[in-house]
């Protein structure tokens, strides 16, 4: 019918990529986000691990080029996704035994604990999300204290008051964070999408904070580079009499500083830009869940605005400082190079003046030598002419010899002078 582009179907199916799981009724959700090794950008180790899981549960192994998939495991479902630098695993376990007013968390099954210990890579996010059904939860102090003993509980109504989410953003003794979702009226599809957004908020929050750790470690190096630039600029601006080193040495020091700054930028730029992108995703997911307030508690967005946003501002400040340092180095280099060029031009001008003076002196000497050479050549020509006249005329006619010599002197001088002048013109013409 028509010639189809080889990527058409892949592009069309992109809108259906990473579908959320359907969650109906009470459930326990285990979510892990694992940072891959630097040399495993394609996630080969993760795909091999998922293929082993599929074989163990009698399912088909994923294609080598797959980026996401859903692996059925009896009553449970495991959704896996390969992101740019990490892989996420979301295990949904139906738990009809979970009660809305229960004062404790549901137990994590043994196979789920084993999955958490076997995943490849370094775990960045590990979250347990418990879904309870009911028209609403009685927010008693006893219940809140039992589920979140830290006392830093935050809560929001989400999905236009179709559910409530509770958490304290703390890690428990087993290393998992805890989140409670009270489902009032969410359908299975909406519940799956809400769970996905909540888990993405937690995952992207922690991935973004990796840039904060890097910025803190590199802050001392950046401060040292800034201090060195300030010192170099002060030495560059000092008067010539107070300067203890030449412009070329200052330029060499500035070049080394520029190389170290470029190295720092190369080492931090990717992580900082990735952190900014993850932070933007966190804010977008917070907007997607359509928060409302739960009486007496802070919303998730308010808590993150107080605790998470300042951390991202620190990273942004580090990036601005690094950019300003690079700009300052470029400006200082331009000024110093300009001064070096001006000094070189002054030296070249003095050298040209000296060469011009020497050339003029050589020209005067040459003109003097040319004048002497006219007399020398004329003297030898007149001597030759005298030899000729002595042979042509008798010796007795001495008066004729003298007369011929007197006549020949001005003629020979004039002829020699004209010949030298023509020769000089010919050389100038060439």
Protein backbone atom coordinates (compact mmCIF):
# COMPACT_ATOMS: atom_id res chain seq x y z
CA UNK A 1 0.00 0.00 0.00
CA UNK A 2 2.81 2.40 0.88
CA UNK A 3 6.49 2.28 1.68
CA UNK A 4 6.81 2.30 5.46
CA UNK A 5 9.68 3.93 7.31
CA UNK A 6 11.66 1.25 9.21
CA UNK A 7 11.17 3.12 12.52
CA UNK A 8 7.47 3.95 12.03
CA UNK A 9 6.04 1.20 14.25
CA UNK A 10 8.64 1.78 16.95
CA UNK A 11 7.83 5.50 16.97
CA UNK A 12 4.10 4.83 17.03
CA UNK A 13 4.40 2.39 19.95
CA UNK A 14 6.46 4.87 21.98
CA UNK A 15 3.27 6.47 23.34
CA UNK A 16 2.36 3.07 24.81
CA UNK A 17 5.77 2.57 26.40
CA UNK A 18 6.17 1.90 30.13
CA UNK A 19 2.49 1.21 30.89
CA UNK A 20 1.55 1.24 34.60
CA UNK A 21 0.36 -1.89 36.36
CA UNK A 22 -3.29 -2.28 37.32
CA UNK A 23 -3.67 -2.54 41.09
CA UNK A 24 -7.03 -3.59 42.47
CA UNK A 25 -7.53 -3.89 46.21
CA UNK A 26 -5.04 -3.90 49.05
CA UNK A 27 -1.50 -4.61 47.93
CA UNK A 28 2.15 -4.33 48.90
CA UNK A 29 4.49 -2.77 46.33
CA UNK A 30 8.26 -3.25 46.42
CA UNK A 31 10.20 -0.73 44.34
CA UNK A 32 13.95 -0.74 43.69
CA UNK A 33 16.05 1.63 41.57
CA UNK A 34 19.60 0.38 40.94
CA UNK A 35 22.39 2.44 39.46
CA UNK A 36 24.18 0.52 36.72
CA UNK A 37 27.94 0.18 36.40
CA UNK A 38 29.61 2.99 34.36
CA UNK A 39 30.57 0.60 31.57
CA UNK A 40 27.13 -1.01 31.28
CA UNK A 41 25.14 1.73 29.55
CA UNK A 42 22.96 -0.80 27.68
CA UNK A 43 22.05 -2.67 30.89
CA UNK A 44 23.44 -6.03 29.79
CA UNK A 45 23.81 -7.26 33.39
CA UNK A 46 20.25 -6.24 34.22
CA UNK A 47 18.82 -7.91 31.11
CA UNK A 48 20.72 -11.09 31.99
CA UNK A 49 19.28 -10.96 35.54
CA UNK A 50 15.74 -10.44 34.20
CA UNK A 51 16.19 -13.32 31.73
CA UNK A 52 17.19 -15.59 34.62
CA UNK A 53 14.08 -14.51 36.55
CA UNK A 54 11.87 -15.18 33.53
CA UNK A 55 13.37 -18.63 33.07
CA UNK A 56 12.84 -19.40 36.76
CA UNK A 57 9.15 -18.49 36.52
CA UNK A 58 8.59 -20.11 33.13
CA UNK A 59 8.16 -16.84 31.21
CA UNK A 60 9.75 -15.68 27.97
CA UNK A 61 13.08 -13.88 28.24
CA UNK A 62 13.11 -10.21 27.15
CA UNK A 63 14.56 -9.21 23.80
CA UNK A 64 18.15 -7.85 23.96
CA UNK A 65 16.89 -4.45 22.80
CA UNK A 66 13.98 -4.23 25.25
CA UNK A 67 13.79 -1.28 27.63
CA UNK A 68 10.83 -2.34 29.75
CA UNK A 69 8.58 -5.28 30.40
CA UNK A 70 6.18 -7.00 32.80
CA UNK A 71 7.07 -10.39 34.21
CA UNK A 72 4.19 -12.41 35.75
CA UNK A 73 5.17 -14.30 38.92
CA UNK A 74 2.07 -16.19 39.99
CA UNK A 75 -0.28 -13.75 41.72
CA UNK A 76 2.41 -11.05 41.65
CA UNK A 77 3.70 -8.96 38.79
CA UNK A 78 7.22 -7.59 38.30
CA UNK A 79 7.61 -4.54 36.12
CA UNK A 80 11.15 -3.63 35.07
CA UNK A 81 12.41 -0.56 33.21
CA UNK A 82 15.83 0.39 31.83
CA UNK A 83 16.38 4.12 32.26
CA UNK A 84 19.36 6.15 31.08
CA UNK A 85 21.63 5.23 34.00
CA UNK A 86 19.56 3.08 36.33
CA UNK A 87 17.15 0.16 36.23
CA UNK A 88 13.93 0.06 38.25
CA UNK A 89 12.05 -3.00 39.51
CA UNK A 90 8.47 -2.72 40.78
CA UNK A 91 6.96 -5.83 42.34
CA UNK A 92 3.19 -5.64 42.99
CA UNK A 93 1.88 -8.21 45.52
CA UNK A 94 -1.90 -8.40 46.17
CA UNK A 95 -2.55 -8.60 49.93
CA UNK A 96 -6.24 -8.96 50.84
CA UNK A 97 -5.16 -9.50 54.46
CA UNK A 98 -4.10 -5.83 54.84
CA UNK A 99 -6.66 -3.99 56.97
CA UNK A 100 -7.39 -0.27 56.67
CA UNK A 101 -6.98 0.38 60.38
CA UNK A 102 -4.04 -1.98 60.99
CA UNK A 103 -1.43 -0.61 63.38
CA UNK A 104 1.47 -2.42 61.71
CA UNK A 105 3.01 -2.84 58.27
CA UNK A 106 2.46 -5.97 56.21
CA UNK A 107 5.30 -8.48 56.21
CA UNK A 108 7.53 -8.61 53.15
CA UNK A 109 7.46 -12.13 51.61
CA UNK A 110 10.68 -14.12 51.47
CA UNK A 111 10.84 -14.16 47.66
CA UNK A 112 10.55 -10.36 47.60
CA UNK A 113 13.39 -10.04 50.11
CA UNK A 114 15.46 -12.39 47.96
CA UNK A 115 14.75 -10.26 44.88
CA UNK A 116 16.00 -7.18 46.75
CA UNK A 117 19.26 -8.94 47.64
CA UNK A 118 19.90 -10.31 44.14
CA UNK A 119 19.34 -7.27 41.89
CA UNK A 120 22.56 -6.13 40.15
CA UNK A 121 23.97 -2.64 40.59
CA UNK A 122 23.90 -0.24 43.52
CA UNK A 123 20.50 0.41 45.05
CA UNK A 124 19.66 4.12 45.14
CA UNK A 125 15.96 3.88 45.95
CA UNK A 126 14.28 1.09 47.94
CA UNK A 127 10.64 1.75 48.77
CA UNK A 128 7.78 -0.27 50.22
CA UNK A 129 4.37 1.16 49.38
CA UNK A 130 1.36 -0.31 51.11
CA UNK A 131 -2.09 0.17 49.59
CA UNK A 132 -5.09 -0.01 51.91
CA UNK A 133 -8.71 0.17 50.86
CA UNK A 134 -11.46 2.03 52.63
CA UNK A 135 -13.51 5.19 52.61
CA UNK A 136 -10.83 6.96 54.65
CA UNK A 137 -8.43 6.45 57.49
CA UNK A 138 -9.08 7.70 60.99
CA UNK A 139 -6.08 9.90 61.60
CA UNK A 140 -5.53 8.99 65.22
CA UNK A 141 -2.30 9.79 66.99
CA UNK A 142 -1.94 6.12 67.92
CA UNK A 143 -2.14 4.99 64.28
CA UNK A 144 0.24 7.68 63.01
CA UNK A 145 2.72 6.96 65.78
CA UNK A 146 2.62 3.23 65.09
CA UNK A 147 3.20 3.50 61.34
CA UNK A 148 5.60 6.49 61.38
CA UNK A 149 7.39 6.62 64.74
CA UNK A 150 9.81 9.32 63.53
CA UNK A 151 7.15 12.00 64.02
CA UNK A 152 8.06 13.74 60.71
CA UNK A 153 4.99 12.51 58.87
CA UNK A 154 3.76 14.30 55.75
CA UNK A 155 0.50 13.54 53.97
CA UNK A 156 -1.49 14.66 50.95
CA UNK A 157 -4.78 13.86 49.41
CA UNK A 158 -4.11 12.93 45.79
CA UNK A 159 -6.11 12.40 42.61
CA UNK A 160 -8.63 15.12 43.51
CA UNK A 161 -9.24 13.55 46.95
CA UNK A 162 -9.62 10.05 45.55
CA UNK A 163 -6.81 8.79 47.81
CA UNK A 164 -4.41 9.82 50.55
CA UNK A 165 -0.66 9.23 50.71
CA UNK A 166 1.41 9.20 53.91
CA UNK A 167 5.19 9.01 54.37
CA UNK A 168 8.05 10.36 56.46
CA UNK A 169 10.87 10.08 53.84
CA UNK A 170 12.95 8.04 56.31
CA UNK A 171 14.63 4.65 55.96
CA UNK A 172 13.58 1.85 58.26
CA UNK A 173 15.84 -0.70 59.95
CA UNK A 174 15.78 -2.91 56.85
CA UNK A 175 16.87 -0.06 54.58
CA UNK A 176 13.48 0.51 52.94
CA UNK A 177 11.47 3.71 52.91
CA UNK A 178 7.80 3.41 53.77
CA UNK A 179 4.78 4.95 52.05
CA UNK A 180 1.09 4.38 52.75
CA UNK A 181 -1.63 4.92 50.12
CA UNK A 182 -5.27 4.94 51.29
CA UNK A 183 -7.43 4.23 48.25
CA UNK A 184 -10.86 5.80 48.54
CA UNK A 185 -12.20 5.70 45.00
CA UNK A 186 -9.32 5.04 42.59
CA UNK A 187 -9.98 2.44 39.90
CA UNK A 188 -7.39 -0.25 39.25
CA UNK A 189 -5.89 1.70 36.35
CA UNK A 190 -5.80 5.01 38.23
CA UNK A 191 -4.34 3.30 41.28
CA UNK A 192 -1.54 1.85 39.15
CA UNK A 193 -0.76 5.24 37.62
CA UNK A 194 -0.83 6.92 41.04
CA UNK A 195 1.55 4.34 42.49
CA UNK A 196 3.89 4.79 39.53
CA UNK A 197 3.97 8.57 40.01
CA UNK A 198 4.58 8.32 43.75
CA UNK A 199 7.42 5.85 43.26
CA UNK A 200 8.92 8.03 40.52
CA UNK A 201 8.88 11.01 42.90
CA UNK A 202 10.95 9.03 45.39
CA UNK A 203 13.30 7.59 42.73
CA UNK A 204 13.93 10.84 40.89
CA UNK A 205 14.35 12.69 44.21
CA UNK A 206 17.20 10.42 45.25
CA UNK A 207 18.75 10.38 41.77
CA UNK A 208 18.71 14.19 41.76
CA UNK A 209 20.38 14.31 45.17
CA UNK A 210 23.38 12.41 43.77
CA UNK A 211 24.38 15.74 42.24
CA UNK A 212 24.28 17.38 45.67
CA UNK A 213 26.79 14.87 47.04
CA UNK A 214 29.08 15.53 44.09
CA UNK A 215 28.74 19.31 44.45
CA UNK A 216 29.66 19.10 48.13
CA UNK A 217 32.76 17.02 47.39
CA UNK A 218 33.88 19.33 44.57
CA UNK A 219 33.12 22.55 46.44
CA UNK A 220 36.57 22.74 48.06
CA UNK A 221 38.29 22.26 44.70
CA UNK A 222 36.14 24.96 43.13
CA UNK A 223 36.89 27.38 45.99
CA UNK A 224 40.64 26.77 45.56
CA UNK A 225 40.41 27.45 41.81
CA UNK A 226 38.50 30.68 42.48
CA UNK A 227 41.16 31.82 44.96
CA UNK A 228 43.93 31.08 42.47
CA UNK A 229 42.15 33.05 39.76
CA UNK A 230 41.78 36.02 42.13
CA UNK A 231 45.50 35.89 42.95
CA UNK A 232 46.47 35.73 39.27
CA UNK A 233 44.23 38.69 38.41
CA UNK A 234 45.75 40.72 41.26
CA UNK A 235 49.28 39.93 40.05
CA UNK A 236 48.24 40.76 36.50
CA UNK A 237 46.87 44.15 37.60
CA UNK A 238 49.97 45.01 39.67
CA UNK A 239 52.35 47.76 38.33
CA UNK A 240 55.41 46.60 36.43
CA UNK A 241 57.73 47.55 39.29
CA UNK A 242 55.74 45.42 41.77
CA UNK A 243 55.30 42.40 39.53
CA UNK A 244 57.57 39.53 40.57
CA UNK A 245 57.08 37.44 37.42
CA UNK A 246 56.77 38.03 33.71
CA UNK A 247 53.62 38.08 31.67
CA UNK A 248 54.53 34.80 30.03
CA UNK A 249 54.79 33.06 33.40
CA UNK A 250 51.43 34.52 34.43
CA UNK A 251 49.93 33.29 31.17
CA UNK A 252 51.33 29.81 31.78
CA UNK A 253 49.82 29.77 35.29
CA UNK A 254 46.50 30.92 33.89
CA UNK A 255 46.61 28.18 31.26
CA UNK A 256 47.17 25.53 33.94
CA UNK A 257 44.26 26.98 35.91
CA UNK A 258 42.04 26.79 32.82
CA UNK A 259 43.00 23.14 32.29
CA UNK A 260 42.15 22.22 35.90
CA UNK A 261 38.83 24.07 35.66
CA UNK A 262 37.97 22.25 32.43
CA UNK A 263 38.81 18.95 34.13
CA UNK A 264 36.50 19.80 37.06
CA UNK A 265 33.74 20.77 34.64
CA UNK A 266 34.14 17.51 32.73
CA UNK A 267 33.97 15.50 35.96
CA UNK A 268 30.83 17.24 37.30
CA UNK A 269 28.85 18.56 34.33
CA UNK A 270 26.98 15.37 33.47
CA UNK A 271 25.90 14.56 37.02
CA UNK A 272 24.81 18.14 37.72
CA UNK A 273 22.81 18.41 34.50
CA UNK A 274 21.24 15.00 35.18
CA UNK A 275 20.35 16.16 38.70
CA UNK A 276 18.60 19.21 37.30
CA UNK A 277 16.63 17.01 34.89
CA UNK A 278 15.61 14.62 37.68
CA UNK A 279 14.55 17.55 39.89
CA UNK A 280 12.33 18.82 37.09
CA UNK A 281 10.72 15.39 36.83
CA UNK A 282 10.05 15.41 40.58
CA UNK A 283 8.22 18.72 40.29
CA UNK A 284 6.26 17.47 37.29
CA UNK A 285 5.16 14.30 39.08
CA UNK A 286 4.09 16.35 42.11
CA UNK A 287 1.92 18.37 39.76
CA UNK A 288 0.49 15.18 38.19
CA UNK A 289 -0.80 13.71 41.46
CA UNK A 290 -3.01 16.81 42.05
CA UNK A 291 -2.36 17.26 45.75
CA UNK A 292 -4.71 18.46 48.42
CA UNK A 293 -4.14 19.14 52.10
CA UNK A 294 -4.65 16.68 54.93
CA UNK A 295 -5.60 18.54 58.10
CA UNK A 296 -2.74 19.07 60.51
CA UNK A 297 0.06 17.77 58.25
CA UNK A 298 2.35 19.17 55.59
CA UNK A 299 1.84 18.16 51.99
CA UNK A 300 4.51 16.23 50.08
CA UNK A 301 5.19 19.23 47.86
CA UNK A 302 5.56 21.56 50.85
CA UNK A 303 7.98 19.19 52.56
CA UNK A 304 10.07 18.79 49.39
CA UNK A 305 10.01 22.53 48.79
CA UNK A 306 11.62 23.03 52.21
CA UNK A 307 14.08 20.12 52.11
CA UNK A 308 14.64 19.13 48.48
CA UNK A 309 14.52 22.45 46.63
CA UNK A 310 17.38 24.07 48.67
CA UNK A 311 19.59 21.09 47.80
CA UNK A 312 18.91 21.63 44.11
CA UNK A 313 19.59 25.35 44.55
CA UNK A 314 23.00 24.40 45.94
CA UNK A 315 23.73 22.41 42.79
CA UNK A 316 22.56 25.27 40.60
CA UNK A 317 24.81 27.66 42.54
CA UNK A 318 27.76 25.32 41.98
CA UNK A 319 27.07 25.28 38.23
CA UNK A 320 26.85 29.10 38.15
CA UNK A 321 30.11 29.43 40.08
CA UNK A 322 31.81 27.03 37.68
CA UNK A 323 30.51 28.95 34.67
CA UNK A 324 31.61 32.27 36.20
CA UNK A 325 35.05 30.82 36.91
CA UNK A 326 35.43 29.72 33.29
CA UNK A 327 34.26 33.14 32.10
CA UNK A 328 36.69 34.89 34.47
CA UNK A 329 39.58 32.74 33.24
CA UNK A 330 38.71 33.53 29.63
CA UNK A 331 38.59 37.26 30.33
CA UNK A 332 41.84 37.24 32.31
CA UNK A 333 43.50 35.24 29.53
CA UNK A 334 42.30 37.71 26.91
CA UNK A 335 43.60 40.69 28.90
CA UNK A 336 46.95 39.05 29.59
CA UNK A 337 47.36 37.95 25.98
CA UNK A 338 46.52 41.47 24.84
CA UNK A 339 49.20 42.90 27.11
CA UNK A 340 51.73 40.32 25.93
CA UNK A 341 50.88 41.18 22.31
CA UNK A 342 51.26 44.91 23.01
CA UNK A 343 54.65 44.32 24.63
CA UNK A 344 55.73 42.18 21.69
CA UNK A 345 54.59 44.87 19.27
CA UNK A 346 56.57 47.48 21.21
CA UNK A 347 59.66 45.25 21.12
CA UNK A 348 59.18 44.61 17.42
CA UNK A 349 58.78 48.34 16.79
CA UNK A 350 62.00 49.10 18.65
CA UNK A 351 63.75 46.34 16.75
CA UNK A 352 62.50 47.68 13.42
CA UNK A 353 63.69 51.18 14.33
CA UNK A 354 67.10 49.80 15.21
CA UNK A 355 67.20 47.86 11.94
CA UNK A 356 66.18 51.00 10.05
CA UNK A 357 68.98 52.98 11.69
CA UNK A 358 71.50 50.29 10.81
CA UNK A 359 70.22 50.15 7.25
CA UNK A 360 70.66 53.90 6.87
CA UNK A 361 74.19 53.69 8.23
CA UNK A 362 74.97 50.83 5.85
CA UNK A 363 73.50 52.85 2.99
CA UNK A 364 75.71 55.82 3.79
CA UNK A 365 78.74 53.56 4.03
CA UNK A 366 77.75 51.95 0.74
CA UNK A 367 77.40 55.34 -0.96
CA UNK A 368 80.81 56.35 0.36
CA UNK A 369 82.34 53.11 -0.87
CA UNK A 370 80.67 53.61 -4.25
CA UNK A 371 82.25 57.09 -4.50
CA UNK A 372 85.66 55.70 -3.65
CA UNK A 373 85.15 52.86 -6.09
CA UNK A 374 84.49 55.39 -8.89
CA UNK A 375 87.90 57.00 -8.25
CA UNK A 376 89.64 53.63 -7.93
CA UNK A 377 88.18 52.31 -11.19
CA UNK A 378 88.94 55.58 -12.94
CA UNK A 379 92.54 55.48 -11.66
CA UNK A 380 93.11 52.00 -13.09
CA UNK A 381 91.44 52.93 -16.41
CA UNK A 382 93.59 56.04 -16.77
CA UNK A 383 96.67 53.89 -16.01
CA UNK A 384 95.66 51.51 -18.77
CA UNK A 385 95.04 54.43 -21.11
CA UNK A 386 98.54 55.78 -20.34
CA UNK A 387 100.05 52.43 -21.27
CA UNK A 388 98.18 52.55 -24.58
CA UNK A 389 99.31 56.12 -25.38
CA UNK A 390 102.92 55.28 -24.53
CA UNK A 391 102.81 52.57 -27.11
CA UNK A 392 101.14 54.70 -29.80
CA UNK A 393 103.16 57.88 -29.51
CA UNK A 394 106.96 58.34 -29.48
CA UNK A 395 108.65 58.94 -26.14
CA UNK A 396 109.96 62.35 -27.32
CA UNK A 397 106.41 63.67 -27.47
CA UNK A 398 105.98 63.88 -23.68
CA UNK A 399 103.80 66.96 -23.95
CA UNK A 400 101.19 65.01 -25.98
CA UNK A 401 101.12 62.27 -23.29
CA UNK A 402 100.29 64.76 -20.58
CA UNK A 403 97.65 66.46 -22.70
CA UNK A 404 95.87 63.17 -23.43
CA UNK A 405 95.97 62.19 -19.75
CA UNK A 406 94.48 65.55 -18.74
CA UNK A 407 91.69 65.16 -21.27
CA UNK A 408 90.99 61.51 -20.35
CA UNK A 409 90.64 62.07 -16.57
CA UNK A 410 87.22 63.88 -16.57
CA UNK A 411 85.93 61.67 -19.38
CA UNK A 412 86.82 58.46 -17.58
CA UNK A 413 85.44 59.74 -14.25
CA UNK A 414 82.15 60.71 -15.87
CA UNK A 415 81.83 57.42 -17.72
CA UNK A 416 82.57 55.36 -14.61
CA UNK A 417 80.12 57.39 -12.52
CA UNK A 418 77.34 56.96 -15.11
CA UNK A 419 78.01 53.22 -15.31
CA UNK A 420 77.81 52.79 -11.54
CA UNK A 421 74.59 54.84 -11.42
CA UNK A 422 72.96 52.72 -14.14
CA UNK A 423 74.00 49.54 -12.37
CA UNK A 424 72.41 50.78 -9.11
CA UNK A 425 69.15 51.60 -10.93
CA UNK A 426 69.08 48.16 -12.52
CA UNK A 427 69.53 46.47 -9.11
CA UNK A 428 66.77 48.61 -7.55
CA UNK A 429 64.47 47.72 -10.42
CA UNK A 430 64.96 44.00 -9.78
